[in-house]
C-alpha atoms as a PDB file:
ATOM      1  CA  MET A   1      81.250  44.720  78.883  1.00  0.00           C
ATOM      2  CA  ILE A   2      77.541  44.995  78.112  1.00  0.00           C
ATOM      3  CA  ARG A   3      78.372  47.215  75.137  1.00  0.00           C
ATOM      4  CA  GLN A   4      80.770  44.580  73.842  1.00  0.00           C
ATOM      5  CA  ILE A   5      78.156  41.848  74.217  1.00  0.00           C
ATOM      6  CA  ASN A   6      75.534  44.084  72.605  1.00  0.00           C
ATOM      7  CA  GLY A   7      77.921  44.836  69.725  1.00  0.00           C
ATOM      8  CA  ALA A   8      78.676  41.137  69.268  1.00  0.00           C
ATOM      9  CA  ALA A   9      74.975  40.290  69.348  1.00  0.00           C
ATOM     10  CA  THR A  10      74.272  42.991  66.765  1.00  0.00           C
ATOM     11  CA  GLY A  11      77.058  41.631  64.557  1.00  0.00           C
ATOM     12  CA  ILE A  12      75.741  38.098  64.903  1.00  0.00           C
ATOM     13  CA  ALA A  13      72.201  39.257  64.089  1.00  0.00           C
ATOM     14  CA  ALA A  14      73.474  41.053  60.991  1.00  0.00           C
ATOM     15  CA  ALA A  15      75.395  37.964  59.905  1.00  0.00           C
ATOM     16  CA  VAL A  16      72.296  35.802  60.394  1.00  0.00           C
ATOM     17  CA  ASP A  17      70.254  38.249  58.286  1.00  0.00           C
ATOM     18  CA  GLU A  18      72.887  38.162  55.547  1.00  0.00           C
ATOM     19  CA  HIS A  19      72.964  34.379  55.697  1.00  0.00           C
ATOM     20  CA  GLY A  20      69.157  34.268  55.376  1.00  0.00           C
ATOM     21  CA  ALA A  21      69.236  36.630  52.388  1.00  0.00           C
ATOM     22  CA  ALA A  22      71.954  34.537  50.732  1.00  0.00           C
ATOM     23  CA  ALA A  23      69.948  31.359  51.338  1.00  0.00           C
ATOM     24  CA  GLN A  24      66.846  32.965  49.790  1.00  0.00           C
ATOM     25  CA  GLU A  25      68.887  34.005  46.745  1.00  0.00           C
ATOM     26  CA  ILE A  26      70.177  30.441  46.390  1.00  0.00           C
ATOM     27  CA  VAL A  27      66.603  29.126  46.567  1.00  0.00           C
ATOM     28  CA  ARG A  28      65.516  31.588  43.849  1.00  0.00           C
ATOM     29  CA  ASN A  29      68.443  30.592  41.644  1.00  0.00           C
ATOM     30  CA  VAL A  30      67.713  26.881  42.076  1.00  0.00           C
ATOM     31  CA  ALA A  31      64.040  27.471  41.218  1.00  0.00           C
ATOM     32  CA  GLN A  32      65.009  29.404  38.093  1.00  0.00           C
ATOM     33  CA  ALA A  33      67.445  26.671  37.061  1.00  0.00           C
ATOM     34  CA  ALA A  34      64.765  24.023  37.586  1.00  0.00           C
ATOM     35  CA  HIS A  35      62.313  26.019  35.480  1.00  0.00           C
ATOM     36  CA  GLY A  36      64.922  26.449  32.734  1.00  0.00           C
ATOM     37  CA  THR A  37      65.683  22.742  32.811  1.00  0.00           C
ATOM     38  CA  GLY A  38      61.985  22.003  32.413  1.00  0.00           C
ATOM     39  CA  GLU A  39      61.790  24.265  29.377  1.00  0.00           C
ATOM     40  CA  VAL A  40      64.840  22.616  27.816  1.00  0.00           C
ATOM     41  CA  THR A  41      63.331  19.184  28.415  1.00  0.00           C
ATOM     42  CA  HIS A  42      60.067  20.297  26.802  1.00  0.00           C
ATOM     43  CA  ASN A  43      61.953  21.631  23.773  1.00  0.00           C
ATOM     44  CA  ILE A  44      63.949  18.411  23.434  1.00  0.00           C
ATOM     45  CA  VAL A  45      60.710  16.407  23.450  1.00  0.00           C
ATOM     46  CA  ARG A  46      59.331  18.669  20.699  1.00  0.00           C
ATOM     47  CA  VAL A  47      62.494  18.189  18.623  1.00  0.00           C
ATOM     48  CA  VAL A  48      62.305  14.407  19.048  1.00  0.00           C
ATOM     49  CA  LYS A  49      58.660  14.375  17.950  1.00  0.00           C
ATOM     50  CA  ALA A  50      59.448  16.575  14.949  1.00  0.00           C
ATOM     51  CA  SER A  51      62.352  14.283  14.021  1.00  0.00           C
ATOM     52  CA  GLU A  52      60.117  11.240  14.231  1.00  0.00           C
ATOM     53  CA  ALA A  53      57.502  12.922  12.039  1.00  0.00           C
ATOM     54  CA  THR A  54      60.171  13.928   9.530  1.00  0.00           C
ATOM     55  CA  GLY A  55      61.464  10.354   9.431  1.00  0.00           C
ATOM     56  CA  ALA A  56      57.967   9.018   8.819  1.00  0.00           C
ATOM     57  CA  VAL A  57      57.375  11.482   5.989  1.00  0.00           C
ATOM     58  CA  ALA A  58      60.782  10.694   4.480  1.00  0.00           C
ATOM     59  CA  HIS A  59      59.861   7.001   4.523  1.00  0.00           C
ATOM     60  CA  LEU A  60      56.603   7.772   2.690  1.00  0.00           C
ATOM     61  CA  VAL A  61      58.438   9.886   0.102  1.00  0.00           C
ATOM     62  CA  LEU A  62      60.930   7.079  -0.478  1.00  0.00           C
ATOM     63  CA  ALA A  63      58.134   4.529  -0.869  1.00  0.00           C
ATOM     64  CA  SER A  64      56.307   6.818  -3.307  1.00  0.00           C
ATOM     65  CA  ALA A  65      59.475   7.438  -5.318  1.00  0.00           C
ATOM     66  CA  SER A  66      60.161   3.701  -5.496  1.00  0.00           C
ATOM     67  CA  GLU A  67      56.621   2.998  -6.682  1.00  0.00           C
ATOM     68  CA  LEU A  68      56.860   5.791  -9.265  1.00  0.00           C
ATOM     69  CA  SER A  69      60.146   4.347 -10.521  1.00  0.00           C
ATOM     70  CA  ARG A  70      58.574   0.884 -10.801  1.00  0.00           C
ATOM     71  CA  GLN A  71      55.596   2.271 -12.712  1.00  0.00           C
ATOM     72  CA  SER A  72      57.898   4.269 -15.001  1.00  0.00           C
ATOM     73  CA  GLU A  73      59.877   1.128 -15.852  1.00  0.00           C
ATOM     74  CA  GLN A  74      56.664  -0.776 -16.513  1.00  0.00           C
ATOM     75  CA  LEU A  75      55.324   2.010 -18.769  1.00  0.00           C
ATOM     76  CA  ASN A  76      58.647   2.132 -20.626  1.00  0.00           C
ATOM     77  CA  ALA A  77      58.490  -1.629 -21.244  1.00  0.00           C
ATOM     78  CA  GLU A  78      54.890  -1.421 -22.460  1.00  0.00           C
ATOM     79  CA  VAL A  79      55.706   1.468 -24.831  1.00  0.00           C
ATOM     80  CA  ARG A  80      58.652  -0.501 -26.272  1.00  0.00           C
ATOM     81  CA  ALA A  81      56.421  -3.547 -26.733  1.00  0.00           C
ATOM     82  CA  PHE A  82      53.801  -1.408 -28.443  1.00  0.00           C
ATOM     83  CA  LEU A  83      56.359   0.149 -30.761  1.00  0.00           C
ATOM     84  CA  THR A  84      57.596  -3.256 -31.866  1.00  0.00           C
ATOM     85  CA  VAL A  85      54.047  -4.238 -32.841  1.00  0.00           C
ATOM     86  CA  VAL A  86      53.087  -1.008 -34.615  1.00  0.00           C
ATOM     87  CA  PRO A  87      54.749  -0.616 -37.989  1.00  0.00           C
ATOM     88  CA  ALA A  88      56.810   2.521 -38.490  1.00  0.00           C
ATOM     89  CA  ALA A  89      54.878   5.053 -40.513  1.00  0.00           C
END
């Protein structure tokens, strides 16, 4: 009977050890997942900032192109006006 109890106790102790090892593995996996999630979040923030910067630069390029177009039209009008005043040679 004592051998049976001792065997059962040994089995229970082994099961508890296995359970502890499994719990530690779960904790490690959760920590790794949390770290990975943090890295993904950091990368998303960087992408958002880069997108915002790209949008700001695109807005400046559009404004510059519009101003250049306006100046080109004005120069074209002034050249036409000049050519109407200057006699053809």
